Protein backbone atom coordinates (compact mmCIF):
# COMPACT_ATOMS: atom_id res chain seq x y z
CA MET A 1 -0.01 0.01 -0.01
CA SER A 2 1.48 3.33 -0.97
CA SER A 3 1.61 6.21 1.49
CA ASP A 4 -0.80 8.38 -0.52
CA GLU A 5 -3.69 5.87 -0.32
CA PRO A 6 -6.19 6.59 2.48
CA ARG A 7 -6.24 4.13 5.35
CA GLY A 8 -9.33 3.62 7.37
CA HIS A 9 -10.10 1.91 10.61
CA VAL A 10 -13.68 0.95 11.39
CA GLN A 11 -14.39 0.02 14.98
CA VAL A 12 -16.96 -2.53 15.92
CA THR A 13 -20.11 -1.09 17.41
CA GLY A 14 -19.73 -0.60 21.11
CA PRO A 15 -22.47 -0.61 23.72
CA GLY A 16 -22.69 3.20 23.89
CA PRO A 17 -24.54 3.89 20.65
CA LEU A 18 -26.79 0.89 21.15
CA VAL A 19 -27.81 1.96 24.68
CA VAL A 20 -28.46 5.54 23.57
CA LEU A 21 -30.59 4.41 20.61
CA GLY A 22 -32.44 1.98 22.86
CA LEU A 23 -33.22 4.65 25.41
CA VAL A 24 -34.39 7.10 22.70
CA GLY A 25 -36.66 4.36 21.34
CA LEU A 26 -37.90 3.58 24.83
CA VAL A 27 -38.91 7.18 25.45
CA LEU A 28 -40.60 7.43 22.03
CA GLY A 29 -42.42 4.13 22.46
CA TRP A 30 -43.62 5.04 25.95
CA GLY A 31 -44.55 8.59 24.92
CA SER A 32 -46.49 7.50 21.87
CA ARG A 33 -49.41 6.28 24.01
CA TRP A 34 -49.41 9.46 26.07
CA TYR A 35 -49.42 11.53 22.89
CA ALA A 36 -52.23 9.46 21.39
CA VAL A 37 -54.38 9.72 24.49
CA ASN A 38 -53.93 13.47 24.79
CA ASN A 39 -54.79 14.05 21.11
CA GLY A 40 -57.72 11.66 20.88
CA SER A 41 -55.82 9.36 18.52
CA PRO A 42 -55.88 5.59 18.71
CA SER A 43 -53.19 4.09 20.94
CA PRO A 44 -50.25 2.50 19.16
CA GLN A 45 -50.57 -1.19 18.43
CA VAL A 46 -48.00 -3.88 17.67
CA GLY A 47 -49.26 -6.40 15.18
CA TRP A 48 -48.07 -9.91 14.57
CA LEU A 49 -46.67 -8.80 11.18
CA VAL A 50 -44.27 -6.48 12.98
CA VAL A 51 -43.28 -9.30 15.31
CA GLY A 52 -42.64 -11.54 12.32
CA VAL A 53 -40.55 -8.86 10.57
CA ALA A 54 -38.36 -8.40 13.65
CA TRP A 55 -37.68 -12.10 13.88
CA PHE A 56 -37.18 -12.42 10.10
CA ILE A 57 -34.56 -9.67 10.13
CA ALA A 58 -32.78 -11.41 12.98
CA ALA A 59 -32.83 -14.77 11.18
CA VAL A 60 -31.61 -13.38 7.85
CA THR A 61 -28.85 -11.37 9.50
CA LEU A 62 -27.78 -14.35 11.53
CA GLY A 63 -27.67 -16.49 8.38
CA ILE A 64 -25.50 -13.90 6.60
CA ALA A 65 -23.21 -13.74 9.63
CA TYR A 66 -22.84 -17.52 9.63
CA LEU A 67 -22.09 -17.69 5.92
CA THR A 68 -19.64 -14.80 6.14
CA ARG A 69 -17.79 -16.46 8.99
CA GLN A 70 -17.58 -19.70 7.06
CA VAL A 71 -16.15 -17.93 4.00
CA VAL A 72 -13.62 -15.93 6.01
CA ALA A 73 -12.48 -18.96 8.01
CA SER A 74 -12.36 -21.57 5.22
CA ARG A 75 -11.19 -19.55 2.23
CA PRO A 76 -9.10 -16.50 3.15
CA GLY A 77 -9.29 -13.93 0.40
CA ALA A 78 -12.54 -15.25 -1.06
CA LEU A 79 -14.47 -12.35 0.46
CA THR A 80 -13.67 -9.25 -1.60
CA PRO A 81 -13.13 -5.92 0.24
CA HIS A 82 -16.35 -4.60 -1.31
CA GLN A 83 -18.35 -7.57 -0.02
CA GLY A 84 -16.77 -7.32 3.40
CA LEU A 85 -17.50 -3.63 3.72
CA SER A 86 -21.07 -4.13 2.53
CA ARG A 87 -21.66 -6.82 5.13
CA LEU A 88 -20.01 -4.75 7.82
CA VAL A 89 -22.30 -1.81 7.06
CA LEU A 90 -25.30 -4.14 7.06
CA GLY A 91 -24.30 -5.53 10.46
CA LYS A 92 -23.84 -2.03 11.93
CA SER A 93 -27.15 -0.86 10.47
CA VAL A 94 -29.12 -3.82 11.70
CA ALA A 95 -27.62 -3.62 15.19
CA ARG A 96 -28.36 0.08 15.57
CA LEU A 97 -31.88 0.04 14.07
CA ALA A 98 -32.80 -3.07 16.05
CA ALA A 99 -31.56 -1.41 19.26
CA PHE A 100 -33.90 1.51 18.49
CA GLY A 101 -36.73 -0.93 17.77
CA LEU A 102 -36.04 -2.82 20.97
CA GLY A 103 -36.50 0.42 22.87
CA VAL A 104 -39.69 1.32 21.00
CA PHE A 105 -41.27 -2.08 21.61
CA GLY A 106 -40.23 -2.00 25.25
CA GLY A 107 -41.70 1.50 25.60
CA VAL A 108 -45.00 0.44 24.05
CA ALA A 109 -45.17 -2.51 26.46
CA ILE A 110 -44.40 -0.32 29.44
CA SER A 111 -46.96 2.26 28.42
CA ARG A 112 -49.70 -0.39 28.59
CA LEU A 113 -48.84 -1.64 32.08
CA GLY A 114 -51.75 -1.00 34.41
CA VAL A 115 -54.16 -0.07 31.61
CA ALA A 116 -57.58 -1.59 32.16
CA SER A 117 -58.36 -2.64 28.64
CA GLU A 118 -59.15 -5.91 26.93
CA SER A 119 -56.43 -5.39 24.36
CA ALA A 120 -53.71 -4.16 26.72
CA ALA A 121 -52.47 -7.65 27.56
CA ASP A 122 -52.36 -8.60 23.89
CA VAL A 123 -50.42 -5.44 22.98
CA ILE A 124 -47.97 -6.12 25.85
CA LEU A 125 -47.44 -9.71 24.71
CA ARG A 126 -46.86 -8.76 21.06
CA ALA A 127 -44.57 -5.86 22.05
CA LEU A 128 -42.49 -8.10 24.26
CA VAL A 129 -42.18 -10.82 21.58
CA ALA A 130 -41.21 -8.08 19.06
CA ALA A 131 -38.67 -6.74 21.59
CA LEU A 132 -37.14 -10.20 21.87
CA GLY A 133 -36.95 -10.34 18.06
CA ALA A 134 -35.26 -6.93 18.02
CA ALA A 135 -32.80 -8.06 20.68
CA ALA A 136 -32.00 -11.13 18.56
CA ALA A 137 -31.50 -8.79 15.58
CA VAL A 138 -29.08 -6.66 17.62
CA ALA A 139 -27.12 -9.79 18.48
CA ALA A 140 -27.18 -10.97 14.88
CA GLY A 141 -25.98 -7.59 13.63
CA LEU A 142 -23.07 -7.62 16.07
CA LEU A 143 -22.22 -11.17 15.06
CA LEU A 144 -22.20 -10.10 11.42
CA GLU A 145 -19.81 -7.26 12.30
CA HIS A 146 -17.47 -9.69 14.01
CA ALA A 147 -17.74 -12.19 11.18
CA CYS A 148 -16.39 -9.53 8.78
CA ARG A 149 -13.11 -9.34 10.68
CA VAL A 150 -10.40 -10.80 8.56
CA PRO A 151 -7.29 -12.09 10.31
CA PRO A 152 -4.21 -10.11 9.38
CA GLY A 153 -2.05 -11.58 6.70
CA PRO A 154 1.70 -12.17 6.96
CA ASP A 155 2.45 -8.83 5.28
CA ALA A 156 0.17 -6.75 7.50
CA ASP A 157 1.83 -3.74 9.06
CA LEU A 158 -0.09 -3.59 12.28
CA PRO A 159 1.31 -1.61 15.23
């Protein structure tokens, strides 16, 4: 590598951004019911389709992480830099968006605690199952990030 080529260093996603996004989502999810009640709008619902999408994203991301890890471990150099970067960005995006979704679903569930309504228990159940799917997607996104790490070659000039 010549000295005039840019060198980059991408860190794996730490807990800080994920916690902040989760807390922002929690406040928005919790506040959405308060906002709806004060404006005469219907309270937010979590449908089974949303639950399925959360789990589907987790499963697909986990599958990509597994396949990426297999390629990196079994055939060094088979994963092109473009493919590796694309998968790294996908892992980071899924982890961060799923952390936000985890907070939103948790906030919706918390906002329904103590509500005397026939549908409150159903909304809490669906929100918690969706939150579990979002947590699985966070884990899958982080695993995909780690799967993209290529061991340094013999000519690597690492400090």
